[in-house]
């Protein structure tokens, strides 16, 4: 199956909007609670659920459990950390899941951070070289060989160089926490045939003032990273807007407010060229409360 066909099949299966399960770095909900959650989200009408991964948490094992707990839902990784497993193992596991659950898997891969590489005893290296080498080695021969099943591979890419690499060697890209201006740029870099999944930060709260305040706090934290602030400048936001954490910047980066406001921000990214938008609740959101929020957003 060709790359374009793989990407197009994923585009159709994912639909325009999905959700990421609530993420915590301090606790892990039980398998039973997660099975119940994805069942609720499927019944609410979502066609796709995404999960994160850190060193020590195996996203593909998690997806095996959740795929078995649902009927039609597509699952993706946002992202599978390349330091968590060898590339041949990543391909073997993904191909096996794709064989068992045809059309229901999207493998998002990310290079992560130097400390994650160090925690596994390896050198981080240059991100582009590291990611290229990983994808190249995914298809190295193994004995026995992995199932001969196609599935989409997309790369977590928040910058132009990683986007270009995704367009060259993968089926698409997954940028996150960036405005619709970046989505439009990403579509131009990738071209029309690649899969473009956008991670959209969400503050779901019908109290508009409180939602705005929480969104501003979130953006302020990101802007403390020099590389993130520089990216905003590249996208046309002024130094003053960044220093003041302006309303325009907050509104561009975080979907906040009631379901209608959040749905409008999803449509903005779709109009800019996204194939699929996945909603990202704040890290540390209580799992059960987060699933409740996502369920309530589904009709919009």
C-alpha atoms as a PDB file:
ATOM      1  CA  UNK A   1       0.000   0.000   0.000  1.00  0.00           C
ATOM      2  CA  UNK A   2       1.469   3.384  -0.962  1.00  0.00           C
ATOM      3  CA  UNK A   3       2.076   6.243   1.413  1.00  0.00           C
ATOM      4  CA  UNK A   4      -0.717   8.391   0.020  1.00  0.00           C
ATOM      5  CA  UNK A   5      -3.186   5.535   0.358  1.00  0.00           C
ATOM      6  CA  UNK A   6      -2.143   4.903   3.958  1.00  0.00           C
ATOM      7  CA  UNK A   7      -2.523   8.578   4.837  1.00  0.00           C
ATOM      8  CA  UNK A   8      -5.865   8.880   3.065  1.00  0.00           C
ATOM      9  CA  UNK A   9      -7.246   5.795   4.805  1.00  0.00           C
ATOM     10  CA  UNK A  10      -6.189   7.228   8.166  1.00  0.00           C
ATOM     11  CA  UNK A  11      -7.748  10.592   7.283  1.00  0.00           C
ATOM     12  CA  UNK A  12     -11.076   8.913   6.641  1.00  0.00           C
ATOM     13  CA  UNK A  13     -10.897   6.716   9.736  1.00  0.00           C
ATOM     14  CA  UNK A  14      -9.906   9.457  12.182  1.00  0.00           C
ATOM     15  CA  UNK A  15     -12.533  11.987  11.184  1.00  0.00           C
ATOM     16  CA  UNK A  16     -12.105  15.696  11.904  1.00  0.00           C
ATOM     17  CA  UNK A  17     -11.769  15.650  15.703  1.00  0.00           C
ATOM     18  CA  UNK A  18     -10.624  13.338  18.470  1.00  0.00           C
ATOM     19  CA  UNK A  19      -9.382  13.481  22.047  1.00  0.00           C
ATOM     20  CA  UNK A  20      -6.295  12.617  24.046  1.00  0.00           C
ATOM     21  CA  UNK A  21      -6.869  10.755  27.295  1.00  0.00           C
ATOM     22  CA  UNK A  22      -6.051  12.974  30.296  1.00  0.00           C
ATOM     23  CA  UNK A  23      -2.324  12.941  31.064  1.00  0.00           C
ATOM     24  CA  UNK A  24      -0.675  12.827  34.473  1.00  0.00           C
ATOM     25  CA  UNK A  25       3.004  12.387  35.295  1.00  0.00           C
ATOM     26  CA  UNK A  26       2.270  11.437  38.911  1.00  0.00           C
ATOM     27  CA  UNK A  27      -0.359   8.707  38.662  1.00  0.00           C
ATOM     28  CA  UNK A  28      -1.704   6.133  36.232  1.00  0.00           C
ATOM     29  CA  UNK A  29      -5.405   5.212  36.019  1.00  0.00           C
ATOM     30  CA  UNK A  30      -6.158   1.499  36.121  1.00  0.00           C
ATOM     31  CA  UNK A  31      -6.778  -0.544  32.996  1.00  0.00           C
ATOM     32  CA  UNK A  32     -10.404  -0.940  34.035  1.00  0.00           C
ATOM     33  CA  UNK A  33     -10.906   2.788  34.385  1.00  0.00           C
ATOM     34  CA  UNK A  34      -9.312   3.413  30.985  1.00  0.00           C
ATOM     35  CA  UNK A  35     -11.422   0.714  29.311  1.00  0.00           C
ATOM     36  CA  UNK A  36     -14.538   2.306  30.770  1.00  0.00           C
ATOM     37  CA  UNK A  37     -13.395   5.751  29.614  1.00  0.00           C
ATOM     38  CA  UNK A  38     -12.800   4.832  25.971  1.00  0.00           C
ATOM     39  CA  UNK A  39     -16.138   3.010  25.899  1.00  0.00           C
ATOM     40  CA  UNK A  40     -17.850   6.174  27.078  1.00  0.00           C
ATOM     41  CA  UNK A  41     -15.986   8.304  24.551  1.00  0.00           C
ATOM     42  CA  UNK A  42     -16.883   5.933  21.726  1.00  0.00           C
ATOM     43  CA  UNK A  43     -20.542   6.033  22.703  1.00  0.00           C
ATOM     44  CA  UNK A  44     -20.335   9.833  22.881  1.00  0.00           C
ATOM     45  CA  UNK A  45     -19.486   9.856  19.179  1.00  0.00           C
ATOM     46  CA  UNK A  46     -15.713  10.275  19.063  1.00  0.00           C
ATOM     47  CA  UNK A  47     -14.010   8.232  16.368  1.00  0.00           C
ATOM     48  CA  UNK A  48     -10.449   8.625  17.657  1.00  0.00           C
ATOM     49  CA  UNK A  49      -8.599   8.616  20.979  1.00  0.00           C
ATOM     50  CA  UNK A  50      -4.916   9.437  21.442  1.00  0.00           C
ATOM     51  CA  UNK A  51      -2.546   8.513  24.273  1.00  0.00           C
ATOM     52  CA  UNK A  52       0.806   9.838  25.438  1.00  0.00           C
ATOM     53  CA  UNK A  53       3.978   7.979  26.380  1.00  0.00           C
ATOM     54  CA  UNK A  54       6.919   8.541  28.700  1.00  0.00           C
ATOM     55  CA  UNK A  55       9.818   6.262  29.572  1.00  0.00           C
ATOM     56  CA  UNK A  56       8.340   3.502  31.718  1.00  0.00           C
ATOM     57  CA  UNK A  57       4.839   3.633  30.232  1.00  0.00           C
ATOM     58  CA  UNK A  58       4.327   1.523  27.122  1.00  0.00           C
ATOM     59  CA  UNK A  59       1.782   3.221  24.888  1.00  0.00           C
ATOM     60  CA  UNK A  60       1.473   0.258  22.526  1.00  0.00           C
ATOM     61  CA  UNK A  61       0.600  -2.138  25.343  1.00  0.00           C
ATOM     62  CA  UNK A  62      -1.941   0.443  26.487  1.00  0.00           C
ATOM     63  CA  UNK A  63      -3.440   0.616  22.996  1.00  0.00           C
ATOM     64  CA  UNK A  64      -3.694  -3.168  22.789  1.00  0.00           C
ATOM     65  CA  UNK A  65      -5.915  -3.098  25.884  1.00  0.00           C
ATOM     66  CA  UNK A  66      -8.012  -0.173  24.661  1.00  0.00           C
ATOM     67  CA  UNK A  67      -8.450  -1.469  21.121  1.00  0.00           C
ATOM     68  CA  UNK A  68      -9.882  -4.671  22.556  1.00  0.00           C
ATOM     69  CA  UNK A  69     -12.303  -2.655  24.717  1.00  0.00           C
ATOM     70  CA  UNK A  70     -13.882  -0.780  21.770  1.00  0.00           C
ATOM     71  CA  UNK A  71     -15.626  -1.687  18.545  1.00  0.00           C
ATOM     72  CA  UNK A  72     -14.581   0.817  15.878  1.00  0.00           C
ATOM     73  CA  UNK A  73     -12.521   3.511  17.566  1.00  0.00           C
ATOM     74  CA  UNK A  74      -9.175   4.507  16.041  1.00  0.00           C
ATOM     75  CA  UNK A  75      -6.246   4.941  18.437  1.00  0.00           C
ATOM     76  CA  UNK A  76      -3.115   6.986  17.981  1.00  0.00           C
ATOM     77  CA  UNK A  77       0.006   7.766  19.956  1.00  0.00           C
ATOM     78  CA  UNK A  78       0.795  11.420  20.606  1.00  0.00           C
ATOM     79  CA  UNK A  79       3.506  10.469  20.825  1.00  0.00           C
ATOM     80  CA  UNK A  80       5.276   7.115  21.126  1.00  0.00           C
ATOM     81  CA  UNK A  81       8.672   8.049  22.531  1.00  0.00           C
ATOM     82  CA  UNK A  82      11.479   6.655  20.380  1.00  0.00           C
ATOM     83  CA  UNK A  83      13.649   6.022  23.460  1.00  0.00           C
ATOM     84  CA  UNK A  84      11.048   3.641  24.923  1.00  0.00           C
ATOM     85  CA  UNK A  85      11.788   0.797  22.477  1.00  0.00           C
ATOM     86  CA  UNK A  86      14.071  -0.252  19.659  1.00  0.00           C
ATOM     87  CA  UNK A  87      12.830   0.748  16.198  1.00  0.00           C
ATOM     88  CA  UNK A  88      12.373  -2.841  14.957  1.00  0.00           C
ATOM     89  CA  UNK A  89      10.330  -3.591  18.084  1.00  0.00           C
ATOM     90  CA  UNK A  90       8.216  -0.487  17.525  1.00  0.00           C
ATOM     91  CA  UNK A  91       7.438  -1.599  13.978  1.00  0.00           C
ATOM     92  CA  UNK A  92       6.772  -5.187  15.003  1.00  0.00           C
ATOM     93  CA  UNK A  93       4.353  -4.124  17.743  1.00  0.00           C
ATOM     94  CA  UNK A  94       2.557  -1.583  15.565  1.00  0.00           C
ATOM     95  CA  UNK A  95       2.267  -3.989  12.639  1.00  0.00           C
ATOM     96  CA  UNK A  96       0.884  -6.672  14.924  1.00  0.00           C
ATOM     97  CA  UNK A  97      -1.769  -4.285  16.267  1.00  0.00           C
ATOM     98  CA  UNK A  98      -2.569  -3.096  12.741  1.00  0.00           C
ATOM     99  CA  UNK A  99      -3.060  -6.702  11.664  1.00  0.00           C
ATOM    100  CA  UNK A 100      -5.292  -7.477  14.638  1.00  0.00           C
ATOM    101  CA  UNK A 101      -7.320  -4.245  14.330  1.00  0.00           C
ATOM    102  CA  UNK A 102      -7.263  -3.174  10.668  1.00  0.00           C
ATOM    103  CA  UNK A 103      -7.487   0.557  10.049  1.00  0.00           C
ATOM    104  CA  UNK A 104      -7.577   1.461  13.735  1.00  0.00           C
ATOM    105  CA  UNK A 105      -3.988   2.482  14.508  1.00  0.00           C
ATOM    106  CA  UNK A 106      -1.944   5.632  13.852  1.00  0.00           C
ATOM    107  CA  UNK A 107       1.619   5.528  15.151  1.00  0.00           C
ATOM    108  CA  UNK A 108       2.838   8.971  16.144  1.00  0.00           C
ATOM    109  CA  UNK A 109       6.565   9.035  16.913  1.00  0.00           C
ATOM    110  CA  UNK A 110       8.575  11.714  18.700  1.00  0.00           C
ATOM    111  CA  UNK A 111      12.237  12.296  19.499  1.00  0.00           C
ATOM    112  CA  UNK A 112      11.474  13.500  23.012  1.00  0.00           C
ATOM    113  CA  UNK A 113      14.118  15.152  25.185  1.00  0.00           C
ATOM    114  CA  UNK A 114      17.813  14.606  25.986  1.00  0.00           C
ATOM    115  CA  UNK A 115      17.035  13.527  29.552  1.00  0.00           C
ATOM    116  CA  UNK A 116      14.770  10.776  28.221  1.00  0.00           C
ATOM    117  CA  UNK A 117      17.566   9.438  26.062  1.00  0.00           C
ATOM    118  CA  UNK A 118      19.966   9.655  29.011  1.00  0.00           C
ATOM    119  CA  UNK A 119      17.548   7.704  31.219  1.00  0.00           C
ATOM    120  CA  UNK A 120      17.899   4.761  28.802  1.00  0.00           C
ATOM    121  CA  UNK A 121      21.694   5.044  28.604  1.00  0.00           C
ATOM    122  CA  UNK A 122      21.774   6.486  25.085  1.00  0.00           C
ATOM    123  CA  UNK A 123      22.910   9.691  23.433  1.00  0.00           C
ATOM    124  CA  UNK A 124      20.231  12.081  22.214  1.00  0.00           C
ATOM    125  CA  UNK A 125      22.289  13.262  19.260  1.00  0.00           C
ATOM    126  CA  UNK A 126      20.919  15.657  16.649  1.00  0.00           C
ATOM    127  CA  UNK A 127      17.102  15.419  16.602  1.00  0.00           C
ATOM    128  CA  UNK A 128      16.715  15.249  12.813  1.00  0.00           C
ATOM    129  CA  UNK A 129      19.484  12.690  12.400  1.00  0.00           C
ATOM    130  CA  UNK A 130      18.170  10.664  15.323  1.00  0.00           C
ATOM    131  CA  UNK A 131      14.619  10.581  13.963  1.00  0.00           C
ATOM    132  CA  UNK A 132      15.737   9.759  10.431  1.00  0.00           C
ATOM    133  CA  UNK A 133      17.880   6.896  11.707  1.00  0.00           C
ATOM    134  CA  UNK A 134      15.037   5.550  13.840  1.00  0.00           C
ATOM    135  CA  UNK A 135      12.548   5.419  10.974  1.00  0.00           C
ATOM    136  CA  UNK A 136      15.154   3.878   8.692  1.00  0.00           C
ATOM    137  CA  UNK A 137      15.846   1.118  11.206  1.00  0.00           C
ATOM    138  CA  UNK A 138      12.168   0.380  11.803  1.00  0.00           C
ATOM    139  CA  UNK A 139      12.127  -1.590   8.564  1.00  0.00           C
ATOM    140  CA  UNK A 140      15.345  -3.524   9.214  1.00  0.00           C
ATOM    141  CA  UNK A 141      14.899  -7.296   8.756  1.00  0.00           C
ATOM    142  CA  UNK A 142      13.938  -9.330  11.795  1.00  0.00           C
ATOM    143  CA  UNK A 143      13.529 -13.038  12.343  1.00  0.00           C
ATOM    144  CA  UNK A 144      10.682 -13.784  12.188  1.00  0.00           C
ATOM    145  CA  UNK A 145       9.595 -10.783  10.125  1.00  0.00           C
ATOM    146  CA  UNK A 146       6.912  -8.390  11.336  1.00  0.00           C
ATOM    147  CA  UNK A 147       3.443  -8.794   9.811  1.00  0.00           C
ATOM    148  CA  UNK A 148       3.268  -7.324   6.318  1.00  0.00           C
ATOM    149  CA  UNK A 149       0.598  -4.769   7.220  1.00  0.00           C
ATOM    150  CA  UNK A 150       0.579  -1.064   6.400  1.00  0.00           C
ATOM    151  CA  UNK A 151      -0.184   1.538   9.063  1.00  0.00           C
ATOM    152  CA  UNK A 152       0.439   5.299   9.133  1.00  0.00           C
ATOM    153  CA  UNK A 153       3.589   6.662  10.794  1.00  0.00           C
ATOM    154  CA  UNK A 154       3.572  10.343  11.660  1.00  0.00           C
ATOM    155  CA  UNK A 155       6.217  12.451  13.402  1.00  0.00           C
ATOM    156  CA  UNK A 156       5.764  14.902  16.261  1.00  0.00           C
ATOM    157  CA  UNK A 157       6.996  18.082  14.568  1.00  0.00           C
ATOM    158  CA  UNK A 158       6.795  21.593  16.010  1.00  0.00           C
ATOM    159  CA  UNK A 159       9.408  23.161  13.750  1.00  0.00           C
ATOM    160  CA  UNK A 160       9.998  23.561  10.015  1.00  0.00           C
ATOM    161  CA  UNK A 161      12.951  21.161   9.787  1.00  0.00           C
ATOM    162  CA  UNK A 162      11.167  18.285  11.524  1.00  0.00           C
ATOM    163  CA  UNK A 163       8.066  19.024   9.424  1.00  0.00           C
ATOM    164  CA  UNK A 164      10.149  18.757   6.266  1.00  0.00           C
ATOM    165  CA  UNK A 165      11.559  15.447   7.486  1.00  0.00           C
ATOM    166  CA  UNK A 166       8.040  14.179   8.190  1.00  0.00           C
ATOM    167  CA  UNK A 167       7.032  15.087   4.653  1.00  0.00           C
ATOM    168  CA  UNK A 168      10.039  13.231   3.298  1.00  0.00           C
ATOM    169  CA  UNK A 169      10.121   9.963   5.262  1.00  0.00           C
ATOM    170  CA  UNK A 170       6.787   9.591   7.092  1.00  0.00           C
ATOM    171  CA  UNK A 171       3.076   9.610   6.346  1.00  0.00           C
ATOM    172  CA  UNK A 172       2.520  12.943   8.049  1.00  0.00           C
ATOM    173  CA  UNK A 173       3.112  15.080  11.119  1.00  0.00           C
ATOM    174  CA  UNK A 174       1.654  15.924  14.510  1.00  0.00           C
ATOM    175  CA  UNK A 175       2.392  19.466  15.734  1.00  0.00           C
ATOM    176  CA  UNK A 176       0.918  20.526  19.082  1.00  0.00           C
ATOM    177  CA  UNK A 177       0.240  23.665  21.132  1.00  0.00           C
ATOM    178  CA  UNK A 178       0.689  26.002  18.167  1.00  0.00           C
ATOM    179  CA  UNK A 179      -1.663  28.472  16.448  1.00  0.00           C
ATOM    180  CA  UNK A 180      -3.571  28.023  13.217  1.00  0.00           C
ATOM    181  CA  UNK A 181      -0.900  30.067  11.413  1.00  0.00           C
ATOM    182  CA  UNK A 182       1.489  27.190  12.039  1.00  0.00           C
ATOM    183  CA  UNK A 183      -1.110  24.682  10.853  1.00  0.00           C
ATOM    184  CA  UNK A 184      -1.294  26.537   7.538  1.00  0.00           C
ATOM    185  CA  UNK A 185       2.495  26.524   7.245  1.00  0.00           C
ATOM    186  CA  UNK A 186       2.622  22.828   8.091  1.00  0.00           C
ATOM    187  CA  UNK A 187       0.157  22.009   5.328  1.00  0.00           C
ATOM    188  CA  UNK A 188       2.299  23.917   2.812  1.00  0.00           C
ATOM    189  CA  UNK A 189       5.433  22.068   3.913  1.00  0.00           C
ATOM    190  CA  UNK A 190       3.781  18.634   3.903  1.00  0.00           C
ATOM    191  CA  UNK A 191       1.807  19.088   0.702  1.00  0.00           C
ATOM    192  CA  UNK A 192      -1.771  17.939   0.146  1.00  0.00           C
ATOM    193  CA  UNK A 193      -1.315  14.187   0.495  1.00  0.00           C
ATOM    194  CA  UNK A 194       0.297  13.787   3.907  1.00  0.00           C
ATOM    195  CA  UNK A 195      -1.679  13.369   7.125  1.00  0.00           C
ATOM    196  CA  UNK A 196      -1.696  16.475   9.350  1.00  0.00           C
ATOM    197  CA  UNK A 197      -2.882  15.906  12.912  1.00  0.00           C
ATOM    198  CA  UNK A 198      -2.979  18.908  15.254  1.00  0.00           C
ATOM    199  CA  UNK A 199      -2.795  18.745  19.041  1.00  0.00           C
ATOM    200  CA  UNK A 200      -5.008  21.569  20.376  1.00  0.00           C
ATOM    201  CA  UNK A 201      -4.721  22.711  23.993  1.00  0.00           C
ATOM    202  CA  UNK A 202      -8.152  22.992  25.627  1.00  0.00           C
ATOM    203  CA  UNK A 203      -9.547  24.664  28.763  1.00  0.00           C
ATOM    204  CA  UNK A 204     -13.177  23.539  28.997  1.00  0.00           C
ATOM    205  CA  UNK A 205     -15.020  25.951  31.287  1.00  0.00           C
ATOM    206  CA  UNK A 206     -18.272  27.798  30.650  1.00  0.00           C
ATOM    207  CA  UNK A 207     -17.069  30.632  32.921  1.00  0.00           C
ATOM    208  CA  UNK A 208     -15.382  32.726  30.221  1.00  0.00           C
ATOM    209  CA  UNK A 209     -13.264  34.862  32.550  1.00  0.00           C
ATOM    210  CA  UNK A 210     -11.961  31.878  34.483  1.00  0.00           C
ATOM    211  CA  UNK A 211     -11.274  29.961  31.260  1.00  0.00           C
ATOM    212  CA  UNK A 212      -9.337  32.925  29.857  1.00  0.00           C
ATOM    213  CA  UNK A 213      -7.305  33.284  33.059  1.00  0.00           C
ATOM    214  CA  UNK A 214      -6.377  29.601  33.080  1.00  0.00           C
ATOM    215  CA  UNK A 215      -5.512  29.714  29.383  1.00  0.00           C
ATOM    216  CA  UNK A 216      -3.268  32.730  29.981  1.00  0.00           C
ATOM    217  CA  UNK A 217      -1.474  30.898  32.805  1.00  0.00           C
ATOM    218  CA  UNK A 218      -0.862  27.974  30.462  1.00  0.00           C
ATOM    219  CA  UNK A 219       0.522  30.187  27.699  1.00  0.00           C
ATOM    220  CA  UNK A 220       2.688  32.133  30.156  1.00  0.00           C
ATOM    221  CA  UNK A 221       4.341  28.883  31.218  1.00  0.00           C
ATOM    222  CA  UNK A 222       5.148  27.926  27.643  1.00  0.00           C
ATOM    223  CA  UNK A 223       6.541  31.339  26.800  1.00  0.00           C
ATOM    224  CA  UNK A 224       9.203  30.911  29.480  1.00  0.00           C
ATOM    225  CA  UNK A 225      10.859  28.541  27.034  1.00  0.00           C
ATOM    226  CA  UNK A 226      12.997  30.727  24.732  1.00  0.00           C
ATOM    227  CA  UNK A 227      12.485  28.439  21.741  1.00  0.00           C
ATOM    228  CA  UNK A 228       8.697  28.623  22.100  1.00  0.00           C
ATOM    229  CA  UNK A 229       8.730  32.421  22.368  1.00  0.00           C
ATOM    230  CA  UNK A 230      10.985  32.595  19.313  1.00  0.00           C
ATOM    231  CA  UNK A 231       8.541  30.442  17.379  1.00  0.00           C
ATOM    232  CA  UNK A 232       5.736  32.892  18.197  1.00  0.00           C
ATOM    233  CA  UNK A 233       7.862  35.737  16.816  1.00  0.00           C
ATOM    234  CA  UNK A 234       8.426  33.741  13.637  1.00  0.00           C
ATOM    235  CA  UNK A 235       4.665  33.342  13.335  1.00  0.00           C
ATOM    236  CA  UNK A 236       4.092  37.105  13.461  1.00  0.00           C
ATOM    237  CA  UNK A 237       3.447  37.857  17.126  1.00  0.00           C
ATOM    238  CA  UNK A 238       5.252  40.922  18.455  1.00  0.00           C
ATOM    239  CA  UNK A 239       7.676  41.065  21.363  1.00  0.00           C
ATOM    240  CA  UNK A 240       5.119  43.185  23.207  1.00  0.00           C
ATOM    241  CA  UNK A 241       2.366  40.616  22.697  1.00  0.00           C
ATOM    242  CA  UNK A 242       4.661  37.931  24.027  1.00  0.00           C
ATOM    243  CA  UNK A 243       5.799  39.992  27.006  1.00  0.00           C
ATOM    244  CA  UNK A 244       2.217  40.905  27.906  1.00  0.00           C
ATOM    245  CA  UNK A 245       0.764  37.469  27.007  1.00  0.00           C
ATOM    246  CA  UNK A 246      -1.819  39.285  24.923  1.00  0.00           C
ATOM    247  CA  UNK A 247      -5.397  38.214  24.432  1.00  0.00           C
ATOM    248  CA  UNK A 248      -4.667  37.591  20.743  1.00  0.00           C
ATOM    249  CA  UNK A 249      -1.873  35.197  21.645  1.00  0.00           C
ATOM    250  CA  UNK A 250      -3.917  33.372  24.284  1.00  0.00           C
ATOM    251  CA  UNK A 251      -6.879  33.043  21.932  1.00  0.00           C
ATOM    252  CA  UNK A 252      -4.620  31.677  19.192  1.00  0.00           C
ATOM    253  CA  UNK A 253      -2.925  29.039  21.321  1.00  0.00           C
ATOM    254  CA  UNK A 254      -5.618  27.655  23.610  1.00  0.00           C
ATOM    255  CA  UNK A 255      -9.226  26.720  22.875  1.00  0.00           C
ATOM    256  CA  UNK A 256     -11.012  27.905  25.985  1.00  0.00           C
ATOM    257  CA  UNK A 257     -14.547  28.475  27.160  1.00  0.00           C
ATOM    258  CA  UNK A 258     -17.771  26.649  26.412  1.00  0.00           C
ATOM    259  CA  UNK A 259     -18.191  23.788  23.904  1.00  0.00           C
ATOM    260  CA  UNK A 260     -19.152  26.158  21.073  1.00  0.00           C
ATOM    261  CA  UNK A 261     -15.969  28.209  21.529  1.00  0.00           C
ATOM    262  CA  UNK A 262     -13.811  25.091  21.559  1.00  0.00           C
ATOM    263  CA  UNK A 263     -15.536  23.685  18.466  1.00  0.00           C
ATOM    264  CA  UNK A 264     -14.923  27.003  16.677  1.00  0.00           C
ATOM    265  CA  UNK A 265     -11.180  26.728  17.373  1.00  0.00           C
ATOM    266  CA  UNK A 266     -11.159  23.163  16.027  1.00  0.00           C
ATOM    267  CA  UNK A 267     -12.801  24.406  12.822  1.00  0.00           C
ATOM    268  CA  UNK A 268     -10.168  27.145  12.560  1.00  0.00           C
ATOM    269  CA  UNK A 269      -7.376  24.550  12.417  1.00  0.00           C
ATOM    270  CA  UNK A 270      -9.336  22.391   9.976  1.00  0.00           C
ATOM    271  CA  UNK A 271      -9.815  25.407   7.707  1.00  0.00           C
ATOM    272  CA  UNK A 272      -6.059  26.083   7.923  1.00  0.00           C
ATOM    273  CA  UNK A 273      -5.284  22.621   6.563  1.00  0.00           C
ATOM    274  CA  UNK A 274      -5.482  20.120   9.423  1.00  0.00           C
ATOM    275  CA  UNK A 275      -6.957  16.713   8.638  1.00  0.00           C
ATOM    276  CA  UNK A 276      -7.669  15.931  12.280  1.00  0.00           C
ATOM    277  CA  UNK A 277      -7.563  17.875  15.554  1.00  0.00           C
ATOM    278  CA  UNK A 278      -7.131  16.131  18.893  1.00  0.00           C
ATOM    279  CA  UNK A 279      -8.114  17.917  22.102  1.00  0.00           C
ATOM    280  CA  UNK A 280      -5.433  18.119  24.815  1.00  0.00           C
ATOM    281  CA  UNK A 281      -6.586  18.864  28.345  1.00  0.00           C
ATOM    282  CA  UNK A 282      -4.072  20.448  30.763  1.00  0.00           C
ATOM    283  CA  UNK A 283      -1.455  18.018  32.069  1.00  0.00           C
ATOM    284  CA  UNK A 284      -2.432  16.879  35.533  1.00  0.00           C
ATOM    285  CA  UNK A 285      -6.194  16.996  34.911  1.00  0.00           C
ATOM    286  CA  UNK A 286      -7.897  14.362  37.047  1.00  0.00           C
ATOM    287  CA  UNK A 287      -8.569  11.390  34.776  1.00  0.00           C
ATOM    288  CA  UNK A 288     -12.260  10.883  35.585  1.00  0.00           C
ATOM    289  CA  UNK A 289     -13.024  14.609  35.578  1.00  0.00           C
ATOM    290  CA  UNK A 290     -11.199  14.986  32.277  1.00  0.00           C
ATOM    291  CA  UNK A 291     -13.162  12.200  30.627  1.00  0.00           C
ATOM    292  CA  UNK A 292     -16.354  13.876  31.875  1.00  0.00           C
ATOM    293  CA  UNK A 293     -15.255  17.124  30.197  1.00  0.00           C
ATOM    294  CA  UNK A 294     -14.432  15.396  26.920  1.00  0.00           C
ATOM    295  CA  UNK A 295     -17.749  13.569  26.950  1.00  0.00           C
ATOM    296  CA  UNK A 296     -19.584  16.865  27.434  1.00  0.00           C
ATOM    297  CA  UNK A 297     -17.724  18.427  24.497  1.00  0.00           C
ATOM    298  CA  UNK A 298     -18.647  15.632  22.084  1.00  0.00           C
ATOM    299  CA  UNK A 299     -21.966  17.047  20.760  1.00  0.00           C
ATOM    300  CA  UNK A 300     -20.225  20.299  19.722  1.00  0.00           C
END
